Amino acid sequence: FYQPEQLIAIGMSGGAQDISVMSGKVPGLIDVAILGGCDCMMEKRGFWLPKDFIKTTPPEMPIIMISGEKDDYLERAKNYHATAKREGLNVELHIVKGGHDARKTLIAYGKDIIKEALQ
């Protein structure tokens, strides 16, 4: 309906996981994905997982991951990053201060990373 020039999706925690799924479920919908504190589960569960859609995520789409060094989900983010990188995706993982807090991870510590990604 709106037909924007570019769709940039930013999500934190489960929202980041949802974006990683949507990126592969509907390739081309999202132009830039910014995943904060990604709860990117890679082990089998009863719902869609980011790992299930890595192969259908467009390799040219930038995926910017930002996680706090004390985030309980940091290992999940690292696993997703490593798998996506092996599959040839355009993914970066930035580890910043703090834990699992959107205001700190994305705004206080990740603001410059996001600004650079949006240029």
PDB file of N, CA and C in Angstrom:
ATOM      1  N   PHE A   1       0.820  -1.199   0.000  1.00  0.00           N
ATOM      2  CA  PHE A   1       0.000   0.000   0.000  1.00  0.00           C
ATOM      3  C   PHE A   1       0.863   1.262   0.000  1.00  0.00           C
ATOM      4  N   TYR A   2       1.823   1.349   0.926  1.00  0.00           N
ATOM      5  CA  TYR A   2       2.647   2.550   1.029  1.00  0.00           C
ATOM      6  C   TYR A   2       3.788   2.568   0.014  1.00  0.00           C
ATOM      7  N   GLN A   3       4.297   1.415  -0.362  1.00  0.00           N
ATOM      8  CA  GLN A   3       5.365   1.285  -1.338  1.00  0.00           C
ATOM      9  C   GLN A   3       6.589   2.148  -0.982  1.00  0.00           C
ATOM     10  N   PRO A   4       7.167   1.909   0.198  1.00  0.00           N
ATOM     11  CA  PRO A   4       8.351   2.690   0.577  1.00  0.00           C
ATOM     12  C   PRO A   4       9.541   2.313  -0.300  1.00  0.00           C
ATOM     13  N   GLU A   5      10.500   3.234  -0.371  1.00  0.00           N
ATOM     14  CA  GLU A   5      11.724   2.946  -1.118  1.00  0.00           C
ATOM     15  C   GLU A   5      12.524   1.842  -0.447  1.00  0.00           C
ATOM     16  N   GLN A   6      12.475   1.826   0.880  1.00  0.00           N
ATOM     17  CA  GLN A   6      13.267   0.861   1.628  1.00  0.00           C
ATOM     18  C   GLN A   6      12.557   0.554   2.948  1.00  0.00           C
ATOM     19  N   LEU A   7      12.576  -0.726   3.341  1.00  0.00           N
ATOM     20  CA  LEU A   7      12.006  -1.131   4.620  1.00  0.00           C
ATOM     21  C   LEU A   7      13.139  -1.571   5.536  1.00  0.00           C
ATOM     22  N   ILE A   8      13.297  -0.839   6.630  1.00  0.00           N
ATOM     23  CA  ILE A   8      14.311  -1.150   7.626  1.00  0.00           C
ATOM     24  C   ILE A   8      13.567  -1.624   8.860  1.00  0.00           C
ATOM     25  N   ALA A   9      13.852  -2.852   9.278  1.00  0.00           N
ATOM     26  CA  ALA A   9      13.168  -3.435  10.435  1.00  0.00           C
ATOM     27  C   ALA A   9      14.145  -3.525  11.599  1.00  0.00           C
ATOM     28  N   ILE A  10      13.713  -3.009  12.751  1.00  0.00           N
ATOM     29  CA  ILE A  10      14.522  -3.063  13.964  1.00  0.00           C
ATOM     30  C   ILE A  10      13.720  -3.796  15.020  1.00  0.00           C
ATOM     31  N   GLY A  11      14.324  -4.826  15.607  1.00  0.00           N
ATOM     32  CA  GLY A  11      13.638  -5.589  16.651  1.00  0.00           C
ATOM     33  C   GLY A  11      14.598  -5.953  17.763  1.00  0.00           C
ATOM     34  N   MET A  12      14.049  -6.117  18.941  1.00  0.00           N
ATOM     35  CA  MET A  12      14.837  -6.485  20.118  1.00  0.00           C
ATOM     36  C   MET A  12      14.294  -7.787  20.671  1.00  0.00           C
ATOM     37  N   SER A  13      15.175  -8.704  21.005  1.00  0.00           N
ATOM     38  CA  SER A  13      14.838  -9.975  21.639  1.00  0.00           C
ATOM     39  C   SER A  13      13.966 -10.823  20.716  1.00  0.00           C
ATOM     40  N   GLY A  14      12.749 -11.123  21.134  1.00  0.00           N
ATOM     41  CA  GLY A  14      11.846 -11.912  20.296  1.00  0.00           C
ATOM     42  C   GLY A  14      11.499 -11.197  19.000  1.00  0.00           C
ATOM     43  N   GLY A  15      11.467  -9.860  19.032  1.00  0.00           N
ATOM     44  CA  GLY A  15      11.223  -9.083  17.814  1.00  0.00           C
ATOM     45  C   GLY A  15      12.346  -9.257  16.812  1.00  0.00           C
ATOM     46  N   ALA A  16      13.565  -9.380  17.320  1.00  0.00           N
ATOM     47  CA  ALA A  16      14.709  -9.639  16.444  1.00  0.00           C
ATOM     48  C   ALA A  16      14.591 -11.032  15.834  1.00  0.00           C
ATOM     49  N   GLN A  17      14.157 -11.977  16.642  1.00  0.00           N
ATOM     50  CA  GLN A  17      13.951 -13.333  16.132  1.00  0.00           C
ATOM     51  C   GLN A  17      12.885 -13.316  15.039  1.00  0.00           C
ATOM     52  N   ASP A  18      11.800 -12.592  15.269  1.00  0.00           N
ATOM     53  CA  ASP A  18      10.732 -12.502  14.266  1.00  0.00           C
ATOM     54  C   ASP A  18      11.246 -11.916  12.955  1.00  0.00           C
ATOM     55  N   ILE A  19      12.074 -10.884  13.041  1.00  0.00           N
ATOM     56  CA  ILE A  19      12.627 -10.268  11.831  1.00  0.00           C
ATOM     57  C   ILE A  19      13.520 -11.256  11.087  1.00  0.00           C
ATOM     58  N   SER A  20      14.315 -12.031  11.839  1.00  0.00           N
ATOM     59  CA  SER A  20      15.184 -13.001  11.174  1.00  0.00           C
ATOM     60  C   SER A  20      14.373 -14.086  10.474  1.00  0.00           C
ATOM     61  N   VAL A  21      13.223 -14.423  11.012  1.00  0.00           N
ATOM     62  CA  VAL A  21      12.334 -15.392  10.365  1.00  0.00           C
ATOM     63  C   VAL A  21      11.678 -14.756   9.133  1.00  0.00           C
ATOM     64  N   MET A  22      11.119 -13.550   9.302  1.00  0.00           N
ATOM     65  CA  MET A  22      10.431 -12.881   8.188  1.00  0.00           C
ATOM     66  C   MET A  22      11.362 -12.626   7.017  1.00  0.00           C
ATOM     67  N   SER A  23      12.639 -12.361   7.302  1.00  0.00           N
ATOM     68  CA  SER A  23      13.609 -12.091   6.235  1.00  0.00           C
ATOM     69  C   SER A  23      13.728 -13.252   5.263  1.00  0.00           C
ATOM     70  N   GLY A  24      13.582 -14.462   5.762  1.00  0.00           N
ATOM     71  CA  GLY A  24      13.641 -15.635   4.907  1.00  0.00           C
ATOM     72  C   GLY A  24      12.292 -16.154   4.491  1.00  0.00           C
ATOM     73  N   LYS A  25      11.271 -15.898   5.296  1.00  0.00           N
ATOM     74  CA  LYS A  25       9.913 -16.352   4.978  1.00  0.00           C
ATOM     75  C   LYS A  25       9.341 -15.552   3.808  1.00  0.00           C
ATOM     76  N   VAL A  26       9.654 -14.256   3.772  1.00  0.00           N
ATOM     77  CA  VAL A  26       9.188 -13.377   2.696  1.00  0.00           C
ATOM     78  C   VAL A  26      10.416 -12.628   2.145  1.00  0.00           C
ATOM     79  N   PRO A  27      11.279 -13.327   1.384  1.00  0.00           N
ATOM     80  CA  PRO A  27      12.494 -12.693   0.869  1.00  0.00           C
ATOM     81  C   PRO A  27      12.171 -11.429   0.071  1.00  0.00           C
ATOM     82  N   GLY A  28      12.940 -10.371   0.346  1.00  0.00           N
ATOM     83  CA  GLY A  28      12.739  -9.114  -0.361  1.00  0.00           C
ATOM     84  C   GLY A  28      11.835  -8.140   0.356  1.00  0.00           C
ATOM     85  N   LEU A  29      11.101  -8.574   1.362  1.00  0.00           N
ATOM     86  CA  LEU A  29      10.222  -7.670   2.111  1.00  0.00           C
ATOM     87  C   LEU A  29      11.046  -6.650   2.889  1.00  0.00           C
ATOM     88  N   ILE A  30      12.076  -7.116   3.582  1.00  0.00           N
ATOM     89  CA  ILE A  30      12.907  -6.268   4.426  1.00  0.00           C
ATOM     90  C   ILE A  30      14.213  -5.985   3.692  1.00  0.00           C
ATOM     91  N   ASP A  31      14.612  -4.712   3.682  1.00  0.00           N
ATOM     92  CA  ASP A  31      15.852  -4.325   3.007  1.00  0.00           C
ATOM     93  C   ASP A  31      17.053  -4.321   3.948  1.00  0.00           C
ATOM     94  N   VAL A  32      16.840  -3.945   5.203  1.00  0.00           N
ATOM     95  CA  VAL A  32      17.895  -3.937   6.215  1.00  0.00           C
ATOM     96  C   VAL A  32      17.283  -4.453   7.511  1.00  0.00           C
ATOM     97  N   ALA A  33      17.934  -5.437   8.115  1.00  0.00           N
ATOM     98  CA  ALA A  33      17.459  -5.998   9.382  1.00  0.00           C
ATOM     99  C   ALA A  33      18.435  -5.621  10.491  1.00  0.00           C
ATOM    100  N   ILE A  34      17.899  -5.034  11.562  1.00  0.00           N
ATOM    101  CA  ILE A  34      18.710  -4.703  12.726  1.00  0.00           C
ATOM    102  C   ILE A  34      18.161  -5.520  13.894  1.00  0.00           C
ATOM    103  N   LEU A  35      18.990  -6.444  14.374  1.00  0.00           N
ATOM    104  CA  LEU A  35      18.568  -7.405  15.384  1.00  0.00           C
ATOM    105  C   LEU A  35      19.270  -7.092  16.703  1.00  0.00           C
ATOM    106  N   GLY A  36      18.520  -6.600  17.668  1.00  0.00           N
ATOM    107  CA  GLY A  36      19.084  -6.284  18.974  1.00  0.00           C
ATOM    108  C   GLY A  36      18.829  -7.410  19.955  1.00  0.00           C
ATOM    109  N   GLY A  37      19.860  -7.831  20.658  1.00  0.00           N
ATOM    110  CA  GLY A  37      19.700  -8.881  21.667  1.00  0.00           C
ATOM    111  C   GLY A  37      18.942 -10.075  21.119  1.00  0.00           C
ATOM    112  N   CYS A  38      19.327 -10.525  19.947  1.00  0.00           N
ATOM    113  CA  CYS A  38      18.536 -11.531  19.225  1.00  0.00           C
ATOM    114  C   CYS A  38      18.406 -12.846  19.988  1.00  0.00           C
ATOM    115  N   ASP A  39      17.187 -13.167  20.289  1.00  0.00           N
ATOM    116  CA  ASP A  39      16.847 -14.454  20.887  1.00  0.00           C
ATOM    117  C   ASP A  39      16.717 -15.446  19.731  1.00  0.00           C
ATOM    118  N   CYS A  40      17.790 -15.564  18.964  1.00  0.00           N
ATOM    119  CA  CYS A  40      17.812 -16.348  17.724  1.00  0.00           C
ATOM    120  C   CYS A  40      18.023 -17.826  18.038  1.00  0.00           C
ATOM    121  N   MET A  41      16.965 -18.475  18.453  1.00  0.00           N
ATOM    122  CA  MET A  41      17.064 -19.895  18.801  1.00  0.00           C
ATOM    123  C   MET A  41      17.400 -20.716  17.573  1.00  0.00           C
ATOM    124  N   MET A  42      18.339 -21.610  17.760  1.00  0.00           N
ATOM    125  CA  MET A  42      18.790 -22.433  16.646  1.00  0.00           C
ATOM    126  C   MET A  42      18.412 -23.906  16.840  1.00  0.00           C
ATOM    127  N   GLU A  43      18.002 -24.277  18.046  1.00  0.00           N
ATOM    128  CA  GLU A  43      17.623 -25.667  18.281  1.00  0.00           C
ATOM    129  C   GLU A  43      16.131 -25.853  17.998  1.00  0.00           C
ATOM    130  N   LYS A  44      15.749 -27.050  17.618  1.00  0.00           N
ATOM    131  CA  LYS A  44      14.368 -27.335  17.221  1.00  0.00           C
ATOM    132  C   LYS A  44      13.380 -27.015  18.340  1.00  0.00           C
ATOM    133  N   ARG A  45      12.293 -26.392  17.967  1.00  0.00           N
ATOM    134  CA  ARG A  45      11.178 -26.069  18.853  1.00  0.00           C
ATOM    135  C   ARG A  45       9.892 -26.284  18.075  1.00  0.00           C
ATOM    136  N   GLY A  46       8.782 -25.971  18.686  1.00  0.00           N
ATOM    137  CA  GLY A  46       7.492 -26.157  18.027  1.00  0.00           C
ATOM    138  C   GLY A  46       7.031 -24.957  17.230  1.00  0.00           C
ATOM    139  N   PHE A  47       7.950 -24.091  16.835  1.00  0.00           N
ATOM    140  CA  PHE A  47       7.591 -22.913  16.049  1.00  0.00           C
ATOM    141  C   PHE A  47       8.738 -22.585  15.102  1.00  0.00           C
ATOM    142  N   TRP A  48       8.506 -21.630  14.209  1.00  0.00           N
ATOM    143  CA  TRP A  48       9.530 -21.264  13.232  1.00  0.00           C
ATOM    144  C   TRP A  48      10.748 -20.700  13.933  1.00  0.00           C
ATOM    145  N   LEU A  49      11.908 -21.073  13.426  1.00  0.00           N
ATOM    146  CA  LEU A  49      13.170 -20.613  13.992  1.00  0.00           C
ATOM    147  C   LEU A  49      13.994 -19.882  12.940  1.00  0.00           C
ATOM    148  N   PRO A  50      14.818 -18.931  13.369  1.00  0.00           N
ATOM    149  CA  PRO A  50      15.666 -18.226  12.415  1.00  0.00           C
ATOM    150  C   PRO A  50      16.508 -19.161  11.550  1.00  0.00           C
ATOM    151  N   LYS A  51      17.030 -20.237  12.136  1.00  0.00           N
ATOM    152  CA  LYS A  51      17.894 -21.139  11.364  1.00  0.00           C
ATOM    153  C   LYS A  51      17.144 -21.794  10.205  1.00  0.00           C
ATOM    154  N   ASP A  52      15.833 -21.932  10.345  1.00  0.00           N
ATOM    155  CA  ASP A  52      15.030 -22.556   9.288  1.00  0.00           C
ATOM    156  C   ASP A  52      14.928 -21.673   8.041  1.00  0.00           C
ATOM    157  N   PHE A  53      15.257 -20.391   8.172  1.00  0.00           N
ATOM    158  CA  PHE A  53      15.066 -19.457   7.063  1.00  0.00           C
ATOM    159  C   PHE A  53      16.364 -18.803   6.594  1.00  0.00           C
ATOM    160  N   ILE A  54      17.488 -19.248   7.107  1.00  0.00           N
ATOM    161  CA  ILE A  54      18.772 -18.685   6.676  1.00  0.00           C
ATOM    162  C   ILE A  54      18.995 -18.925   5.188  1.00  0.00           C
ATOM    163  N   LYS A  55      18.660 -20.102   4.711  1.00  0.00           N
ATOM    164  CA  LYS A  55      18.915 -20.437   3.304  1.00  0.00           C
ATOM    165  C   LYS A  55      18.042 -19.636   2.335  1.00  0.00           C
ATOM    166  N   THR A  56      16.921 -19.077   2.815  1.00  0.00           N
ATOM    167  CA  THR A  56      16.056 -18.300   1.927  1.00  0.00           C
ATOM    168  C   THR A  56      16.139 -16.795   2.176  1.00  0.00           C
ATOM    169  N   THR A  57      16.987 -16.392   3.115  1.00  0.00           N
ATOM    170  CA  THR A  57      17.206 -14.968   3.361  1.00  0.00           C
ATOM    171  C   THR A  57      18.112 -14.435   2.254  1.00  0.00           C
ATOM    172  N   PRO A  58      17.746 -13.303   1.638  1.00  0.00           N
ATOM    173  CA  PRO A  58      18.575 -12.763   0.556  1.00  0.00           C
ATOM    174  C   PRO A  58      19.997 -12.466   1.039  1.00  0.00           C
ATOM    175  N   PRO A  59      21.015 -13.007   0.361  1.00  0.00           N
ATOM    176  CA  PRO A  59      22.396 -12.824   0.815  1.00  0.00           C
ATOM    177  C   PRO A  59      22.881 -11.380   0.755  1.00  0.00           C
ATOM    178  N   GLU A  60      22.244 -10.558  -0.053  1.00  0.00           N
ATOM    179  CA  GLU A  60      22.670  -9.161  -0.163  1.00  0.00           C
ATOM    180  C   GLU A  60      22.051  -8.266   0.913  1.00  0.00           C
ATOM    181  N   MET A  61      21.038  -8.750   1.623  1.00  0.00           N
ATOM    182  CA  MET A  61      20.365  -7.943   2.646  1.00  0.00           C
ATOM    183  C   MET A  61      21.261  -7.774   3.872  1.00  0.00           C
ATOM    184  N   PRO A  62      21.592  -6.538   4.256  1.00  0.00           N
ATOM    185  CA  PRO A  62      22.394  -6.351   5.459  1.00  0.00           C
ATOM    186  C   PRO A  62      21.630  -6.770   6.719  1.00  0.00           C
ATOM    187  N   ILE A  63      22.286  -7.552   7.543  1.00  0.00           N
ATOM    188  CA  ILE A  63      21.759  -7.944   8.855  1.00  0.00           C
ATOM    189  C   ILE A  63      22.763  -7.418   9.878  1.00  0.00           C
ATOM    190  N   ILE A  64      22.313  -6.471  10.685  1.00  0.00           N
ATOM    191  CA  ILE A  64      23.154  -5.860  11.704  1.00  0.00           C
ATOM    192  C   ILE A  64      22.690  -6.388  13.054  1.00  0.00           C
ATOM    193  N   MET A  65      23.549  -7.130  13.725  1.00  0.00           N
ATOM    194  CA  MET A  65      23.209  -7.688  15.035  1.00  0.00           C
ATOM    195  C   MET A  65      23.956  -6.890  16.109  1.00  0.00           C
ATOM    196  N   ILE A  66      23.218  -6.516  17.159  1.00  0.00           N
ATOM    197  CA  ILE A  66      23.805  -5.782  18.271  1.00  0.00           C
ATOM    198  C   ILE A  66      23.381  -6.476  19.556  1.00  0.00           C
ATOM    199  N   SER A  67      24.350  -6.944  20.322  1.00  0.00           N
ATOM    200  CA  SER A  67      24.055  -7.651  21.571  1.00  0.00           C
ATOM    201  C   SER A  67      24.931  -7.108  22.692  1.00  0.00           C
ATOM    202  N   GLY A  68      24.367  -7.091  23.887  1.00  0.00           N
ATOM    203  CA  GLY A  68      25.129  -6.692  25.057  1.00  0.00           C
ATOM    204  C   GLY A  68      26.057  -7.811  25.490  1.00  0.00           C
ATOM    205  N   GLU A  69      27.220  -7.444  25.992  1.00  0.00           N
ATOM    206  CA  GLU A  69      28.213  -8.444  26.400  1.00  0.00           C
ATOM    207  C   GLU A  69      27.720  -9.330  27.543  1.00  0.00           C
ATOM    208  N   LYS A  70      26.740  -8.859  28.307  1.00  0.00           N
ATOM    209  CA  LYS A  70      26.199  -9.636  29.421  1.00  0.00           C
ATOM    210  C   LYS A  70      24.783 -10.149  29.132  1.00  0.00           C
ATOM    211  N   ASP A  71      24.387 -10.100  27.878  1.00  0.00           N
ATOM    212  CA  ASP A  71      23.054 -10.560  27.464  1.00  0.00           C
ATOM    213  C   ASP A  71      22.971 -12.075  27.602  1.00  0.00           C
ATOM    214  N   ASP A  72      21.904 -12.554  28.235  1.00  0.00           N
ATOM    215  CA  ASP A  72      21.700 -13.999  28.387  1.00  0.00           C
ATOM    216  C   ASP A  72      21.550 -14.708  27.045  1.00  0.00           C
ATOM    217  N   TYR A  73      21.183 -13.962  25.995  1.00  0.00           N
ATOM    218  CA  TYR A  73      20.985 -14.545  24.673  1.00  0.00           C
ATOM    219  C   TYR A  73      22.199 -14.369  23.761  1.00  0.00           C
ATOM    220  N   LEU A  74      23.309 -13.920  24.297  1.00  0.00           N
ATOM    221  CA  LEU A  74      24.485 -13.660  23.468  1.00  0.00           C
ATOM    222  C   LEU A  74      24.960 -14.906  22.722  1.00  0.00           C
ATOM    223  N   GLU A  75      24.956 -16.055  23.366  1.00  0.00           N
ATOM    224  CA  GLU A  75      25.391 -17.286  22.684  1.00  0.00           C
ATOM    225  C   GLU A  75      24.464 -17.631  21.529  1.00  0.00           C
ATOM    226  N   ARG A  76      23.162 -17.394  21.694  1.00  0.00           N
ATOM    227  CA  ARG A  76      22.225 -17.636  20.592  1.00  0.00           C
ATOM    228  C   ARG A  76      22.531 -16.710  19.422  1.00  0.00           C
ATOM    229  N   ALA A  77      22.822 -15.447  19.731  1.00  0.00           N
ATOM    230  CA  ALA A  77      23.163 -14.488  18.675  1.00  0.00           C
ATOM    231  C   ALA A  77      24.452 -14.908  17.965  1.00  0.00           C
ATOM    232  N   LYS A  78      25.435 -15.332  18.735  1.00  0.00           N
ATOM    233  CA  LYS A  78      26.708 -15.774  18.140  1.00  0.00           C
ATOM    234  C   LYS A  78      26.500 -16.992  17.248  1.00  0.00           C
ATOM    235  N   ASN A  79      25.671 -17.925  17.679  1.00  0.00           N
ATOM    236  CA  ASN A  79      25.395 -19.122  16.868  1.00  0.00           C
ATOM    237  C   ASN A  79      24.692 -18.759  15.570  1.00  0.00           C
ATOM    238  N   TYR A  80      23.691 -17.868  15.658  1.00  0.00           N
ATOM    239  CA  TYR A  80      22.993 -17.424  14.453  1.00  0.00           C
ATOM    240  C   TYR A  80      23.980 -16.735  13.510  1.00  0.00           C
ATOM    241  N   HIS A  81      24.788 -15.836  14.061  1.00  0.00           N
ATOM    242  CA  HIS A  81      25.768 -15.102  13.260  1.00  0.00           C
ATOM    243  C   HIS A  81      26.709 -16.058  12.532  1.00  0.00           C
ATOM    244  N   ALA A  82      27.248 -17.029  13.256  1.00  0.00           N
ATOM    245  CA  ALA A  82      28.196 -17.978  12.654  1.00  0.00           C
ATOM    246  C   ALA A  82      27.535 -18.792  11.545  1.00  0.00           C
ATOM    247  N   THR A  83      26.321 -19.253  11.786  1.00  0.00           N
ATOM    248  CA  THR A  83      25.602 -20.049  10.786  1.00  0.00           C
ATOM    249  C   THR A  83      25.274 -19.195   9.561  1.00  0.00           C
ATOM    250  N   ALA A  84      24.772 -17.991   9.793  1.00  0.00           N
ATOM    251  CA  ALA A  84      24.421 -17.101   8.684  1.00  0.00           C
ATOM    252  C   ALA A  84      25.659 -16.731   7.868  1.00  0.00           C
ATOM    253  N   LYS A  85      26.759 -16.486   8.536  1.00  0.00           N
ATOM    254  CA  LYS A  85      28.012 -16.149   7.858  1.00  0.00           C
ATOM    255  C   LYS A  85      28.469 -17.312   6.974  1.00  0.00           C
ATOM    256  N   ARG A  86      28.395 -18.548   7.519  1.00  0.00           N
ATOM    257  CA  ARG A  86      28.775 -19.740   6.742  1.00  0.00           C
ATOM    258  C   ARG A  86      27.904 -19.899   5.504  1.00  0.00           C
ATOM    259  N   GLU A  87      26.649 -19.482   5.612  1.00  0.00           N
ATOM    260  CA  GLU A  87      25.716 -19.601   4.478  1.00  0.00           C
ATOM    261  C   GLU A  87      25.836 -18.439   3.498  1.00  0.00           C
ATOM    262  N   GLY A  88      26.755 -17.510   3.768  1.00  0.00           N
ATOM    263  CA  GLY A  88      27.002 -16.420   2.829  1.00  0.00           C
ATOM    264  C   GLY A  88      26.144 -15.186   3.015  1.00  0.00           C
ATOM    265  N   LEU A  89      25.498 -15.051   4.153  1.00  0.00           N
ATOM    266  CA  LEU A  89      24.684 -13.855   4.376  1.00  0.00           C
ATOM    267  C   LEU A  89      25.562 -12.659   4.743  1.00  0.00           C
ATOM    268  N   ASN A  90      25.030 -11.481   4.498  1.00  0.00           N
ATOM    269  CA  ASN A  90      25.694 -10.207   4.777  1.00  0.00           C
ATOM    270  C   ASN A  90      25.362  -9.820   6.224  1.00  0.00           C
ATOM    271  N   VAL A  91      26.031 -10.454   7.174  1.00  0.00           N
ATOM    272  CA  VAL A  91      25.681 -10.289   8.591  1.00  0.00           C
ATOM    273  C   VAL A  91      26.886  -9.817   9.389  1.00  0.00           C
ATOM    274  N   GLU A  92      26.620  -8.886  10.313  1.00  0.00           N
ATOM    275  CA  GLU A  92      27.643  -8.370  11.225  1.00  0.00           C
ATOM    276  C   GLU A  92      27.123  -8.533  12.646  1.00  0.00           C
ATOM    277  N   LEU A  93      28.007  -8.882  13.560  1.00  0.00           N
ATOM    278  CA  LEU A  93      27.641  -8.961  14.980  1.00  0.00           C
ATOM    279  C   LEU A  93      28.479  -7.955  15.749  1.00  0.00           C
ATOM    280  N   HIS A  94      27.806  -7.046  16.432  1.00  0.00           N
ATOM    281  CA  HIS A  94      28.458  -6.045  17.271  1.00  0.00           C
ATOM    282  C   HIS A  94      28.115  -6.361  18.724  1.00  0.00           C
ATOM    283  N   ILE A  95      29.137  -6.497  19.540  1.00  0.00           N
ATOM    284  CA  ILE A  95      28.918  -6.744  20.959  1.00  0.00           C
ATOM    285  C   ILE A  95      29.254  -5.451  21.698  1.00  0.00           C
ATOM    286  N   VAL A  96      28.257  -4.942  22.412  1.00  0.00           N
ATOM    287  CA  VAL A  96      28.388  -3.670  23.118  1.00  0.00           C
ATOM    288  C   VAL A  96      28.311  -3.904  24.628  1.00  0.00           C
ATOM    289  N   LYS A  97      28.472  -2.860  25.393  1.00  0.00           N
ATOM    290  CA  LYS A  97      28.343  -2.958  26.846  1.00  0.00           C
ATOM    291  C   LYS A  97      26.916  -3.364  27.212  1.00  0.00           C
ATOM    292  N   GLY A  98      26.760  -3.814  28.440  1.00  0.00           N
ATOM    293  CA  GLY A  98      25.419  -4.044  28.963  1.00  0.00           C
ATOM    294  C   GLY A  98      24.882  -5.434  28.750  1.00  0.00           C
ATOM    295  N   GLY A  99      23.579  -5.551  29.024  1.00  0.00           N
ATOM    296  CA  GLY A  99      22.903  -6.839  28.948  1.00  0.00           C
ATOM    297  C   GLY A  99      21.764  -6.824  27.949  1.00  0.00           C
ATOM    298  N   HIS A 100      20.605  -7.308  28.395  1.00  0.00           N
ATOM    299  CA  HIS A 100      19.435  -7.462  27.518  1.00  0.00           C
ATOM    300  C   HIS A 100      18.440  -6.334  27.812  1.00  0.00           C
ATOM    301  N   ASP A 101      18.764  -5.150  27.343  1.00  0.00           N
ATOM    302  CA  ASP A 101      17.967  -3.960  27.625  1.00  0.00           C
ATOM    303  C   ASP A 101      17.952  -3.099  26.362  1.00  0.00           C
ATOM    304  N   ALA A 102      16.793  -2.972  25.730  1.00  0.00           N
ATOM    305  CA  ALA A 102      16.694  -2.257  24.450  1.00  0.00           C
ATOM    306  C   ALA A 102      17.205  -0.825  24.549  1.00  0.00           C
ATOM    307  N   ARG A 103      16.886  -0.136  25.633  1.00  0.00           N
ATOM    308  CA  ARG A 103      17.319   1.261  25.757  1.00  0.00           C
ATOM    309  C   ARG A 103      18.834   1.380  25.770  1.00  0.00           C
ATOM    310  N   LYS A 104      19.479   0.432  26.405  1.00  0.00           N
ATOM    311  CA  LYS A 104      20.940   0.497  26.469  1.00  0.00           C
ATOM    312  C   LYS A 104      21.574  -0.134  25.231  1.00  0.00           C
ATOM    313  N   THR A 105      21.129  -1.347  24.873  1.00  0.00           N
ATOM    314  CA  THR A 105      21.736  -2.060  23.748  1.00  0.00           C
ATOM    315  C   THR A 105      21.583  -1.293  22.442  1.00  0.00           C
ATOM    316  N   LEU A 106      20.381  -0.859  22.136  1.00  0.00           N
ATOM    317  CA  LEU A 106      20.133  -0.215  20.844  1.00  0.00           C
ATOM    318  C   LEU A 106      20.317   1.292  20.867  1.00  0.00           C
ATOM    319  N   ILE A 107      19.964   1.943  21.970  1.00  0.00           N
ATOM    320  CA  ILE A 107      19.987   3.403  21.981  1.00  0.00           C
ATOM    321  C   ILE A 107      21.284   3.952  22.576  1.00  0.00           C
ATOM    322  N   ALA A 108      21.615   3.556  23.783  1.00  0.00           N
ATOM    323  CA  ALA A 108      22.808   4.118  24.424  1.00  0.00           C
ATOM    324  C   ALA A 108      24.094   3.614  23.772  1.00  0.00           C
ATOM    325  N   TYR A 109      24.233   2.312  23.635  1.00  0.00           N
ATOM    326  CA  TYR A 109      25.493   1.741  23.142  1.00  0.00           C
ATOM    327  C   TYR A 109      25.488   1.434  21.652  1.00  0.00           C
ATOM    328  N   GLY A 110      24.330   1.200  21.077  1.00  0.00           N
ATOM    329  CA  GLY A 110      24.262   0.808  19.670  1.00  0.00           C
ATOM    330  C   GLY A 110      23.864   1.903  18.712  1.00  0.00           C
ATOM    331  N   LYS A 111      23.626   3.101  19.237  1.00  0.00           N
ATOM    332  CA  LYS A 111      23.127   4.206  18.413  1.00  0.00           C
ATOM    333  C   LYS A 111      24.025   4.490  17.205  1.00  0.00           C
ATOM    334  N   ASP A 112      25.327   4.562  17.410  1.00  0.00           N
ATOM    335  CA  ASP A 112      26.234   4.865  16.298  1.00  0.00           C
ATOM    336  C   ASP A 112      26.271   3.735  15.268  1.00  0.00           C
ATOM    337  N   ILE A 113      26.137   2.494  15.732  1.00  0.00           N
ATOM    338  CA  ILE A 113      26.102   1.341  14.822  1.00  0.00           C
ATOM    339  C   ILE A 113      24.856   1.427  13.943  1.00  0.00           C
ATOM    340  N   ILE A 114      23.730   1.771  14.564  1.00  0.00           N
ATOM    341  CA  ILE A 114      22.471   1.896  13.807  1.00  0.00           C
ATOM    342  C   ILE A 114      22.551   3.063  12.838  1.00  0.00           C
ATOM    343  N   LYS A 115      23.060   4.198  13.289  1.00  0.00           N
ATOM    344  CA  LYS A 115      23.206   5.362  12.392  1.00  0.00           C
ATOM    345  C   LYS A 115      24.028   5.001  11.163  1.00  0.00           C
ATOM    346  N   GLU A 116      25.134   4.315  11.370  1.00  0.00           N
ATOM    347  CA  GLU A 116      25.999   3.922  10.246  1.00  0.00           C
ATOM    348  C   GLU A 116      25.256   2.970   9.297  1.00  0.00           C
ATOM    349  N   ALA A 117      24.483   2.050   9.852  1.00  0.00           N
ATOM    350  CA  ALA A 117      23.744   1.087   9.024  1.00  0.00           C
ATOM    351  C   ALA A 117      22.672   1.769   8.188  1.00  0.00           C
ATOM    352  N   LEU A 118      22.164   2.888   8.661  1.00  0.00           N
ATOM    353  CA  LEU A 118      21.063   3.563   7.975  1.00  0.00           C
ATOM    354  C   LEU A 118      21.548   4.567   6.913  1.00  0.00           C
ATOM    355  N   GLN A 119      22.827   4.756   6.789  1.00  0.00           N
ATOM    356  CA  GLN A 119      23.343   5.703   5.786  1.00  0.00           C
ATOM    357  C   GLN A 119      23.417   5.071   4.418  1.00  0.00           C
TER     358      GLN A 119
END
